[in-house]
């Protein structure tokens, strides 16, 4: 449950402070999106845009020190079947929350961005967001309709 969200926008002549935490960034994003909710528009966001908004929200809970990724499985009717984020397997110490990822303990001088993820000092313990979405999607959802 979300409560006490400040949705007021700063005056146009006042600079917007840079967010310092994920929570502050979330608050800024909510404020920026609020006009979509409060004002009348002649159309709605598309199903693809809706899925992307949900994926962005899911990514905020990713447990990776280097990249936050969210995934959404959507059926042909635009209904969400499952969501996932990147991070350590369930029940294991996390990357961001517990510092358990060997790759996450290194900075970009020790391991370059784009270096292989599977072995050595740059080994990554996280599961992909897409894999988590498949693993934790609703098992009762009908499997017949194709999903994207």
Foldseek 3Di string as FASTA:
>chain_A
DDDDQDLDDDPPVDDDDDDDDLVSVVSVVCNVCVCLVPPDDPDHDDLVVVQVVVFVVQQSPAQALPGGTKHFKAFPVSDTQFIFIKWAPPPDDTCNRRVPFLLNVDDCVVPPPPPDQPDDSNDGRIDHGVVRRVVPTDPPPDPPTDID
